[in-house]
C-alpha atoms as a PDB file:
ATOM      1  CA  MET A   1     -38.328  20.941 -24.039  1.00  0.00           C
ATOM      2  CA  PRO A   2     -35.574  18.304 -24.073  1.00  0.00           C
ATOM      3  CA  PRO A   3     -35.469  15.986 -27.058  1.00  0.00           C
ATOM      4  CA  PRO A   4     -37.001  12.547 -26.508  1.00  0.00           C
ATOM      5  CA  ARG A   5     -34.542   9.901 -25.323  1.00  0.00           C
ATOM      6  CA  ARG A   6     -33.660   7.408 -27.989  1.00  0.00           C
ATOM      7  CA  ARG A   7     -34.701   3.896 -27.309  1.00  0.00           C
ATOM      8  CA  LYS A   8     -32.083   1.219 -27.598  1.00  0.00           C
ATOM      9  CA  THR A   9     -32.294  -0.479 -30.975  1.00  0.00           C
ATOM     10  CA  GLY A  10     -33.242  -4.100 -31.203  1.00  0.00           C
ATOM     11  CA  ALA A  11     -29.735  -5.011 -32.343  1.00  0.00           C
ATOM     12  CA  ALA A  12     -28.110  -3.276 -29.378  1.00  0.00           C
ATOM     13  CA  ALA A  13     -30.511  -4.890 -26.927  1.00  0.00           C
ATOM     14  CA  ALA A  14     -29.896  -8.282 -28.494  1.00  0.00           C
ATOM     15  CA  ALA A  15     -26.135  -7.779 -28.202  1.00  0.00           C
ATOM     16  CA  THR A  16     -26.351  -7.169 -24.454  1.00  0.00           C
ATOM     17  CA  ASP A  17     -28.587 -10.239 -24.100  1.00  0.00           C
ATOM     18  CA  VAL A  18     -26.030 -12.327 -25.986  1.00  0.00           C
ATOM     19  CA  LEU A  19     -23.288 -11.189 -23.599  1.00  0.00           C
ATOM     20  CA  LEU A  20     -25.406 -12.148 -20.605  1.00  0.00           C
ATOM     21  CA  SER A  21     -25.860 -15.608 -22.095  1.00  0.00           C
ATOM     22  CA  LEU A  22     -22.113 -16.256 -21.807  1.00  0.00           C
ATOM     23  CA  LEU A  23     -20.812 -18.554 -19.125  1.00  0.00           C
ATOM     24  CA  THR A  24     -20.502 -16.816 -15.765  1.00  0.00           C
ATOM     25  CA  ASP A  25     -16.735 -17.357 -15.627  1.00  0.00           C
ATOM     26  CA  VAL A  26     -16.279 -15.911 -19.111  1.00  0.00           C
ATOM     27  CA  LEU A  27     -18.372 -12.827 -18.339  1.00  0.00           C
ATOM     28  CA  ASP A  28     -16.562 -12.308 -15.024  1.00  0.00           C
ATOM     29  CA  ASP A  29     -13.243 -12.466 -16.876  1.00  0.00           C
ATOM     30  CA  ILE A  30     -14.434  -9.856 -19.396  1.00  0.00           C
ATOM     31  CA  LEU A  31     -15.598  -7.479 -16.673  1.00  0.00           C
ATOM     32  CA  GLY A  32     -12.337  -7.979 -14.802  1.00  0.00           C
ATOM     33  CA  ARG A  33     -10.246  -7.138 -17.856  1.00  0.00           C
ATOM     34  CA  ILE A  34     -11.997  -3.870 -18.734  1.00  0.00           C
ATOM     35  CA  GLY A  35     -11.280  -2.305 -15.339  1.00  0.00           C
ATOM     36  CA  LEU A  36     -13.576  -1.304 -12.514  1.00  0.00           C
ATOM     37  CA  ARG A  37     -14.606   2.055 -13.959  1.00  0.00           C
ATOM     38  CA  ASP A  38     -15.881   0.554 -17.211  1.00  0.00           C
ATOM     39  CA  ALA A  39     -17.342  -2.458 -15.404  1.00  0.00           C
ATOM     40  CA  VAL A  40     -19.511  -0.121 -13.303  1.00  0.00           C
ATOM     41  CA  ARG A  41     -20.554   1.744 -16.446  1.00  0.00           C
ATOM     42  CA  THR A  42     -22.088  -1.455 -17.847  1.00  0.00           C
ATOM     43  CA  SER A  43     -24.931  -0.762 -15.418  1.00  0.00           C
ATOM     44  CA  ALA A  44     -26.317   1.599 -18.058  1.00  0.00           C
ATOM     45  CA  LEU A  45     -26.606  -1.079 -20.770  1.00  0.00           C
ATOM     46  CA  SER A  46     -29.963  -2.478 -19.688  1.00  0.00           C
ATOM     47  CA  ARG A  47     -31.911  -3.502 -16.603  1.00  0.00           C
ATOM     48  CA  PRO A  48     -30.325  -6.991 -16.368  1.00  0.00           C
ATOM     49  CA  TRP A  49     -26.888  -5.322 -16.356  1.00  0.00           C
ATOM     50  CA  THR A  50     -27.698  -2.886 -13.547  1.00  0.00           C
ATOM     51  CA  ARG A  51     -25.989  -4.903 -10.825  1.00  0.00           C
ATOM     52  CA  ARG A  52     -24.066  -7.462 -12.885  1.00  0.00           C
ATOM     53  CA  TRP A  53     -20.635  -5.969 -12.078  1.00  0.00           C
ATOM     54  CA  GLU A  54     -21.316  -6.584  -8.381  1.00  0.00           C
ATOM     55  CA  SER A  55     -21.205 -10.342  -9.001  1.00  0.00           C
ATOM     56  CA  VAL A  56     -17.580 -10.581 -10.133  1.00  0.00           C
ATOM     57  CA  PRO A  57     -15.360 -12.463  -7.652  1.00  0.00           C
ATOM     58  CA  SER A  58     -12.947  -9.573  -7.035  1.00  0.00           C
ATOM     59  CA  ILE A  59     -12.108  -5.994  -8.017  1.00  0.00           C
ATOM     60  CA  ASP A  60      -9.131  -3.641  -8.061  1.00  0.00           C
ATOM     61  CA  LEU A  61      -9.862  -0.172  -6.720  1.00  0.00           C
ATOM     62  CA  SER A  62      -7.160   2.324  -7.574  1.00  0.00           C
ATOM     63  CA  ALA A  63      -6.857   6.090  -7.902  1.00  0.00           C
ATOM     64  CA  ASP A  64      -4.831   5.384 -11.042  1.00  0.00           C
ATOM     65  CA  ASP A  65      -8.007   4.170 -12.749  1.00  0.00           C
ATOM     66  CA  GLY A  66      -8.817   7.449 -14.448  1.00  0.00           C
ATOM     67  CA  GLY A  67      -9.035   9.343 -11.147  1.00  0.00           C
ATOM     68  CA  THR A  68     -12.577   8.065 -10.651  1.00  0.00           C
ATOM     69  CA  TRP A  69     -12.026   6.919  -7.082  1.00  0.00           C
ATOM     70  CA  LYS A  70     -10.396  10.038  -5.658  1.00  0.00           C
ATOM     71  CA  ALA A  71     -13.758  11.170  -4.274  1.00  0.00           C
ATOM     72  CA  PRO A  72     -14.517   9.465  -0.919  1.00  0.00           C
ATOM     73  CA  SER A  73     -18.161   9.116  -1.885  1.00  0.00           C
ATOM     74  CA  ALA A  74     -17.140   6.970  -4.867  1.00  0.00           C
ATOM     75  CA  VAL A  75     -15.055   4.683  -2.647  1.00  0.00           C
ATOM     76  CA  ASP A  76     -17.912   4.496  -0.119  1.00  0.00           C
ATOM     77  CA  SER A  77     -20.355   3.542  -2.858  1.00  0.00           C
ATOM     78  CA  ILE A  78     -18.143   0.788  -4.276  1.00  0.00           C
ATOM     79  CA  LEU A  79     -17.363  -0.785  -0.902  1.00  0.00           C
ATOM     80  CA  LEU A  80     -21.038  -0.625   0.083  1.00  0.00           C
ATOM     81  CA  ARG A  81     -22.379  -2.179  -3.123  1.00  0.00           C
ATOM     82  CA  PHE A  82     -19.675  -4.729  -3.860  1.00  0.00           C
ATOM     83  CA  PRO A  83     -19.640  -7.736  -1.478  1.00  0.00           C
ATOM     84  CA  GLY A  84     -16.656  -9.635  -2.939  1.00  0.00           C
ATOM     85  CA  LEU A  85     -12.895  -9.479  -2.591  1.00  0.00           C
ATOM     86  CA  VAL A  86     -10.943  -6.247  -3.088  1.00  0.00           C
ATOM     87  CA  ARG A  87      -7.585  -7.504  -4.323  1.00  0.00           C
ATOM     88  CA  ARG A  88      -5.916  -4.144  -4.876  1.00  0.00           C
ATOM     89  CA  PHE A  89      -6.679  -0.884  -3.059  1.00  0.00           C
ATOM     90  CA  HIS A  90      -4.487   2.083  -4.016  1.00  0.00           C
ATOM     91  CA  VAL A  91      -5.520   5.626  -3.009  1.00  0.00           C
ATOM     92  CA  SER A  92      -3.794   8.996  -2.567  1.00  0.00           C
ATOM     93  CA  PRO A  93      -6.266  11.099  -0.567  1.00  0.00           C
ATOM     94  CA  ASP A  94      -5.803  14.845  -0.129  1.00  0.00           C
ATOM     95  CA  LYS A  95      -5.879  16.705   3.200  1.00  0.00           C
ATOM     96  CA  ALA A  96      -9.666  16.949   3.298  1.00  0.00           C
ATOM     97  CA  THR A  97     -10.180  13.205   2.825  1.00  0.00           C
ATOM     98  CA  SER A  98      -7.064  11.603   4.348  1.00  0.00           C
ATOM     99  CA  ARG A  99      -8.818  10.632   7.584  1.00  0.00           C
ATOM    100  CA  ARG A 100     -11.489   8.770   5.626  1.00  0.00           C
ATOM    101  CA  VAL A 101      -8.926   6.027   5.139  1.00  0.00           C
ATOM    102  CA  ASN A 102      -9.737   4.736   8.629  1.00  0.00           C
ATOM    103  CA  ASP A 103     -13.371   4.298   7.602  1.00  0.00           C
ATOM    104  CA  TRP A 104     -12.290   1.942   4.814  1.00  0.00           C
ATOM    105  CA  LEU A 105      -9.601  -0.125   6.522  1.00  0.00           C
ATOM    106  CA  PRO A 106     -11.958  -2.306   8.648  1.00  0.00           C
ATOM    107  CA  THR A 107     -13.913  -3.221   5.513  1.00  0.00           C
ATOM    108  CA  LEU A 108     -10.759  -3.956   3.521  1.00  0.00           C
ATOM    109  CA  SER A 109      -9.433  -6.220   6.283  1.00  0.00           C
ATOM    110  CA  ARG A 110     -12.502  -8.430   5.741  1.00  0.00           C
ATOM    111  CA  ARG A 111     -12.329  -8.371   1.929  1.00  0.00           C
ATOM    112  CA  GLY A 112      -9.063 -10.238   1.415  1.00  0.00           C
ATOM    113  CA  VAL A 113      -7.077  -7.240   0.157  1.00  0.00           C
ATOM    114  CA  GLU A 114      -3.737  -8.370  -1.327  1.00  0.00           C
ATOM    115  CA  SER A 115      -2.121  -5.061  -2.299  1.00  0.00           C
ATOM    116  CA  LEU A 116      -2.687  -1.982  -0.133  1.00  0.00           C
ATOM    117  CA  THR A 117      -1.196   1.413  -1.007  1.00  0.00           C
ATOM    118  CA  LEU A 118      -2.064   4.478   1.083  1.00  0.00           C
ATOM    119  CA  LYS A 119      -0.159   7.542  -0.022  1.00  0.00           C
ATOM    120  CA  LEU A 120      -1.303  10.376   2.205  1.00  0.00           C
ATOM    121  CA  GLN A 121       0.044  13.868   1.615  1.00  0.00           C
ATOM    122  CA  ARG A 122       2.036  16.224   3.816  1.00  0.00           C
ATOM    123  CA  HIS A 123       0.488  19.549   4.759  1.00  0.00           C
ATOM    124  CA  GLY A 124       2.854  22.045   6.343  1.00  0.00           C
ATOM    125  CA  LYS A 125       6.046  21.762   8.350  1.00  0.00           C
ATOM    126  CA  TYR A 126       4.379  20.745  11.626  1.00  0.00           C
ATOM    127  CA  PHE A 127       1.825  18.413  10.104  1.00  0.00           C
ATOM    128  CA  ARG A 128       1.403  15.203  12.125  1.00  0.00           C
ATOM    129  CA  PRO A 129       0.457  12.279   9.888  1.00  0.00           C
ATOM    130  CA  PRO A 130      -2.906  10.721  10.783  1.00  0.00           C
ATOM    131  CA  ARG A 131      -2.876   7.549  12.849  1.00  0.00           C
ATOM    132  CA  LEU A 132      -4.087   4.494  10.966  1.00  0.00           C
ATOM    133  CA  HIS A 133      -6.827   2.230  12.269  1.00  0.00           C
ATOM    134  CA  GLU A 134      -5.514  -0.963  13.909  1.00  0.00           C
ATOM    135  CA  SER A 135      -7.410  -3.065  11.357  1.00  0.00           C
ATOM    136  CA  VAL A 136      -4.508  -2.506   8.955  1.00  0.00           C
ATOM    137  CA  PHE A 137      -2.806  -5.303  10.923  1.00  0.00           C
ATOM    138  CA  TYR A 138      -5.753  -7.627  10.241  1.00  0.00           C
ATOM    139  CA  CYS A 139      -5.170  -7.537   6.467  1.00  0.00           C
ATOM    140  CA  SER A 140      -3.514 -10.951   6.681  1.00  0.00           C
ATOM    141  CA  GLY A 141      -3.801 -11.653   2.939  1.00  0.00           C
ATOM    142  CA  LEU A 142      -1.501  -8.792   1.969  1.00  0.00           C
ATOM    143  CA  THR A 143       1.400  -9.419  -0.388  1.00  0.00           C
ATOM    144  CA  VAL A 144       2.198  -5.693  -0.810  1.00  0.00           C
ATOM    145  CA  LEU A 145       1.887  -2.983   1.868  1.00  0.00           C
ATOM    146  CA  ASP A 146       2.907   0.534   0.842  1.00  0.00           C
ATOM    147  CA  LEU A 147       2.268   3.281   3.424  1.00  0.00           C
ATOM    148  CA  SER A 148       3.227   6.923   3.099  1.00  0.00           C
ATOM    149  CA  THR A 149       2.793   9.856   5.515  1.00  0.00           C
ATOM    150  CA  CYS A 150       0.944   8.154   8.340  1.00  0.00           C
ATOM    151  CA  THR A 151       1.341   7.098  11.967  1.00  0.00           C
ATOM    152  CA  MET A 152       1.318   3.422  12.874  1.00  0.00           C
ATOM    153  CA  PRO A 153      -1.298   2.252  15.394  1.00  0.00           C
ATOM    154  CA  SER A 154      -0.713  -0.008  18.369  1.00  0.00           C
ATOM    155  CA  PHE A 155      -0.753  -3.737  17.777  1.00  0.00           C
ATOM    156  CA  PRO A 156      -4.089  -5.531  18.192  1.00  0.00           C
ATOM    157  CA  LEU A 157      -4.315  -9.166  19.322  1.00  0.00           C
ATOM    158  CA  ASP A 158      -3.578 -12.057  16.957  1.00  0.00           C
ATOM    159  CA  TRP A 159      -2.245 -10.390  13.817  1.00  0.00           C
ATOM    160  CA  GLY A 160       0.401 -11.082  11.191  1.00  0.00           C
ATOM    161  CA  PHE A 161       1.354 -10.789   7.526  1.00  0.00           C
ATOM    162  CA  PRO A 162       2.146 -14.398   6.540  1.00  0.00           C
ATOM    163  CA  ASN A 163       2.018 -13.659   2.784  1.00  0.00           C
ATOM    164  CA  LEU A 164       3.636 -10.205   2.657  1.00  0.00           C
ATOM    165  CA  ARG A 165       6.487  -9.930   0.135  1.00  0.00           C
ATOM    166  CA  SER A 166       6.899  -6.165  -0.196  1.00  0.00           C
ATOM    167  CA  LEU A 167       6.852  -3.650   2.701  1.00  0.00           C
ATOM    168  CA  ILE A 168       7.328   0.047   1.911  1.00  0.00           C
ATOM    169  CA  LEU A 169       7.201   2.655   4.670  1.00  0.00           C
ATOM    170  CA  SER A 170       7.828   6.285   3.690  1.00  0.00           C
ATOM    171  CA  ASN A 171       7.522   9.207   6.134  1.00  0.00           C
ATOM    172  CA  VAL A 172       5.907   6.892   8.674  1.00  0.00           C
ATOM    173  CA  MET A 173       5.885   7.627  12.410  1.00  0.00           C
ATOM    174  CA  PHE A 174       5.975   5.197  15.330  1.00  0.00           C
ATOM    175  CA  LEU A 175       4.685   7.041  18.397  1.00  0.00           C
ATOM    176  CA  GLU A 176       4.767   4.156  20.856  1.00  0.00           C
ATOM    177  CA  GLU A 177       7.546   4.294  23.458  1.00  0.00           C
ATOM    178  CA  ASP A 178       8.992   1.097  21.967  1.00  0.00           C
ATOM    179  CA  GLY A 179       8.284   2.050  18.367  1.00  0.00           C
ATOM    180  CA  HIS A 180      11.604   0.676  17.108  1.00  0.00           C
ATOM    181  CA  PHE A 181      10.686  -2.737  18.506  1.00  0.00           C
ATOM    182  CA  GLN A 182       7.278  -2.368  16.904  1.00  0.00           C
ATOM    183  CA  LEU A 183       8.985  -2.014  13.521  1.00  0.00           C
ATOM    184  CA  GLN A 184      11.163  -5.015  14.320  1.00  0.00           C
ATOM    185  CA  GLU A 185       8.100  -7.127  15.123  1.00  0.00           C
ATOM    186  CA  ILE A 186       6.335  -6.095  11.923  1.00  0.00           C
ATOM    187  CA  ILE A 187       9.314  -7.333   9.907  1.00  0.00           C
ATOM    188  CA  GLU A 188       9.517 -10.545  11.952  1.00  0.00           C
ATOM    189  CA  ARG A 189       5.865 -11.297  11.214  1.00  0.00           C
ATOM    190  CA  CYS A 190       6.534 -11.220   7.462  1.00  0.00           C
ATOM    191  CA  PRO A 191       8.318 -14.574   6.913  1.00  0.00           C
ATOM    192  CA  LEU A 192       8.151 -14.303   3.095  1.00  0.00           C
ATOM    193  CA  LEU A 193       9.363 -10.685   2.901  1.00  0.00           C
ATOM    194  CA  GLU A 194      11.521 -10.064  -0.199  1.00  0.00           C
ATOM    195  CA  ASP A 195      11.483  -6.275  -0.607  1.00  0.00           C
ATOM    196  CA  LEU A 196      11.886  -3.869   2.337  1.00  0.00           C
ATOM    197  CA  ARG A 197      12.056  -0.074   1.911  1.00  0.00           C
ATOM    198  CA  LEU A 198      12.301   2.226   4.923  1.00  0.00           C
ATOM    199  CA  VAL A 199      12.451   5.892   3.905  1.00  0.00           C
ATOM    200  CA  GLU A 200      12.124   8.633   6.513  1.00  0.00           C
ATOM    201  CA  VAL A 201      10.832   6.425   9.310  1.00  0.00           C
ATOM    202  CA  TYR A 202      10.608   8.285  12.631  1.00  0.00           C
ATOM    203  CA  PHE A 203      10.423   7.115  16.236  1.00  0.00           C
ATOM    204  CA  GLN A 204       8.997   9.124  19.121  1.00  0.00           C
ATOM    205  CA  ALA A 205      11.451   7.723  21.663  1.00  0.00           C
ATOM    206  CA  TYR A 206      15.022   8.956  22.039  1.00  0.00           C
ATOM    207  CA  GLY A 207      18.238   7.349  23.223  1.00  0.00           C
ATOM    208  CA  ASP A 208      19.136   3.728  22.552  1.00  0.00           C
ATOM    209  CA  MET A 209      16.860   2.546  19.760  1.00  0.00           C
ATOM    210  CA  GLU A 210      18.586  -0.588  18.530  1.00  0.00           C
ATOM    211  CA  PHE A 211      16.382  -3.079  16.764  1.00  0.00           C
ATOM    212  CA  VAL A 212      17.018  -6.091  14.550  1.00  0.00           C
ATOM    213  CA  ILE A 213      16.099  -6.457  10.885  1.00  0.00           C
ATOM    214  CA  GLN A 214      15.861 -10.194  10.374  1.00  0.00           C
ATOM    215  CA  ALA A 215      14.337 -11.431   7.120  1.00  0.00           C
ATOM    216  CA  PRO A 216      15.684 -14.738   5.776  1.00  0.00           C
ATOM    217  CA  ASN A 217      14.007 -14.318   2.359  1.00  0.00           C
ATOM    218  CA  LEU A 218      14.877 -10.644   1.797  1.00  0.00           C
ATOM    219  CA  LEU A 219      16.213  -9.866  -1.689  1.00  0.00           C
ATOM    220  CA  CYS A 220      16.124  -6.040  -1.835  1.00  0.00           C
ATOM    221  CA  LEU A 221      16.716  -3.543   0.970  1.00  0.00           C
ATOM    222  CA  THR A 222      16.417   0.249   0.884  1.00  0.00           C
ATOM    223  CA  LEU A 223      17.203   2.401   3.933  1.00  0.00           C
ATOM    224  CA  CYS A 224      17.054   6.194   3.945  1.00  0.00           C
ATOM    225  CA  PHE A 225      17.294   7.811   7.391  1.00  0.00           C
ATOM    226  CA  PHE A 226      17.967  11.422   8.352  1.00  0.00           C
ATOM    227  CA  GLU A 227      18.431  10.679  12.043  1.00  0.00           C
ATOM    228  CA  GLU A 228      20.382   8.016  13.898  1.00  0.00           C
ATOM    229  CA  PHE A 229      19.602   4.580  12.521  1.00  0.00           C
ATOM    230  CA  GLY A 230      19.611   1.904  15.208  1.00  0.00           C
ATOM    231  CA  GLY A 231      18.852  -1.061  12.978  1.00  0.00           C
ATOM    232  CA  ILE A 232      21.058  -4.148  13.140  1.00  0.00           C
ATOM    233  CA  LEU A 233      20.981  -6.331  10.038  1.00  0.00           C
ATOM    234  CA  HIS A 234      20.829  -9.972  11.007  1.00  0.00           C
ATOM    235  CA  GLU A 235      20.432 -13.116   8.894  1.00  0.00           C
ATOM    236  CA  LEU A 236      19.871 -11.776   5.386  1.00  0.00           C
ATOM    237  CA  PRO A 237      21.282 -14.785   3.475  1.00  0.00           C
ATOM    238  CA  ARG A 238      19.424 -14.090   0.197  1.00  0.00           C
ATOM    239  CA  LEU A 239      20.082 -10.345   0.003  1.00  0.00           C
ATOM    240  CA  HIS A 240      20.832  -9.353  -3.602  1.00  0.00           C
ATOM    241  CA  SER A 241      20.744  -5.552  -3.640  1.00  0.00           C
ATOM    242  CA  ALA A 242      20.858  -2.800  -1.013  1.00  0.00           C
ATOM    243  CA  ALA A 243      20.643   0.999  -1.202  1.00  0.00           C
ATOM    244  CA  ILE A 244      21.652   2.838   1.978  1.00  0.00           C
ATOM    245  CA  SER A 245      21.437   6.618   2.419  1.00  0.00           C
ATOM    246  CA  MET A 246      22.389   8.625   5.504  1.00  0.00           C
ATOM    247  CA  TRP A 247      21.648  12.332   5.922  1.00  0.00           C
ATOM    248  CA  ASN A 248      24.983  13.956   6.794  1.00  0.00           C
ATOM    249  CA  TYR A 249      25.456  11.417   9.541  1.00  0.00           C
ATOM    250  CA  VAL A 250      27.253   8.137  10.107  1.00  0.00           C
ATOM    251  CA  ASP A 251      26.247   6.601  13.409  1.00  0.00           C
ATOM    252  CA  SER A 252      28.262   4.435  15.765  1.00  0.00           C
ATOM    253  CA  ASN A 253      27.029   1.117  14.390  1.00  0.00           C
ATOM    254  CA  PHE A 254      27.809   1.937  10.746  1.00  0.00           C
ATOM    255  CA  ALA A 255      30.504  -0.754  10.531  1.00  0.00           C
ATOM    256  CA  GLU A 256      28.075  -3.289  11.961  1.00  0.00           C
ATOM    257  CA  LEU A 257      25.522  -2.135   9.405  1.00  0.00           C
ATOM    258  CA  LEU A 258      27.986  -2.785   6.575  1.00  0.00           C
ATOM    259  CA  ALA A 259      28.799  -6.211   7.990  1.00  0.00           C
ATOM    260  CA  GLY A 260      25.149  -7.160   7.568  1.00  0.00           C
ATOM    261  CA  LEU A 261      25.340  -6.391   3.849  1.00  0.00           C
ATOM    262  CA  VAL A 262      28.176  -8.731   2.867  1.00  0.00           C
ATOM    263  CA  GLN A 263      25.810 -10.976   0.881  1.00  0.00           C
ATOM    264  CA  ALA A 264      24.577  -8.142  -1.365  1.00  0.00           C
ATOM    265  CA  ARG A 265      25.753  -8.309  -4.981  1.00  0.00           C
ATOM    266  CA  ASN A 266      24.642  -4.764  -5.729  1.00  0.00           C
ATOM    267  CA  LEU A 267      25.384  -2.203  -3.007  1.00  0.00           C
ATOM    268  CA  GLN A 268      24.811   1.581  -3.075  1.00  0.00           C
ATOM    269  CA  LEU A 269      26.024   3.760  -0.198  1.00  0.00           C
ATOM    270  CA  ARG A 270      25.261   7.484  -0.214  1.00  0.00           C
ATOM    271  CA  LEU A 271      26.007  10.226   2.273  1.00  0.00           C
ATOM    272  CA  CYS A 272      23.545  13.031   1.643  1.00  0.00           C
ATOM    273  CA  THR A 273      24.805  16.532   2.552  1.00  0.00           C
ATOM    274  CA  GLU A 274      22.757  18.860   0.333  1.00  0.00           C
ATOM    275  CA  TYR A 275      19.019  19.299   0.031  1.00  0.00           C
ATOM    276  CA  ALA A 276      19.218  19.435  -3.762  1.00  0.00           C
ATOM    277  CA  TRP A 277      20.993  16.104  -3.781  1.00  0.00           C
ATOM    278  CA  LEU A 278      18.438  14.755  -1.307  1.00  0.00           C
ATOM    279  CA  GLY A 279      15.607  15.596  -3.701  1.00  0.00           C
ATOM    280  CA  ARG A 280      17.271  13.643  -6.496  1.00  0.00           C
ATOM    281  CA  TRP A 281      17.852  10.672  -4.184  1.00  0.00           C
ATOM    282  CA  MET A 282      14.229  10.648  -3.024  1.00  0.00           C
ATOM    283  CA  ALA A 283      13.049  10.769  -6.638  1.00  0.00           C
ATOM    284  CA  TYR A 284      15.296   7.816  -7.391  1.00  0.00           C
ATOM    285  CA  LEU A 285      13.832   5.803  -4.521  1.00  0.00           C
ATOM    286  CA  ALA A 286      10.302   6.547  -5.697  1.00  0.00           C
END
């Protein structure tokens, strides 16, 4: 027979009541500072606390928060119960759960997400990264977009990233026939962009794939391509630092590429010819 459950002492119950008597803004600030995992655990304090964490204005949901949110069911539960803003959403789903990301994106696009990191994982040599839901383009409040190992969807109507300052694409595929122009348009629709990192970005189309990288507020640029890079750097007046890596290949517009970097104060150029060296370079970029 299990031992009887201890009842909460009068002092402990009084303490929780005192906390609830605080001003709403003060209590929201406390719950925001302790992190989402511990905020949810306050549900066990007493009946009045059961749903108190759901009333905070915004939350950050990240797999870095003790690993609590790696299970899709945990993410589902949070997004279902919490009606407010999700400022930060960072997940690294495994193979079994990677396609669940598309179940969450429509909800996130309506919750004012500001920082979105989706780091999906590779699985085998011929693995095709899953295609993201088009609602990723409706996350208009984003300031940071970090995508890894995925395929970009087609553009929906009326989209843009007016507040985006950091765009990171790693092992991302563009399967549209004009995928290189799709990348160009994404950059064009980020007028405040300051940090751009393109690492292992692939296009389905072959042949002439020239596109323009035009970002008047760009400060930092990272390019790492293992195939022909057709990007033309245009109007980067504020560029401070650039890191360019080519995989055993210098294409025909390399001189034009260098001409677009004349404003950079810190410039790194690397020609990668060995896989061991490539691993070190990728670790550096990460």
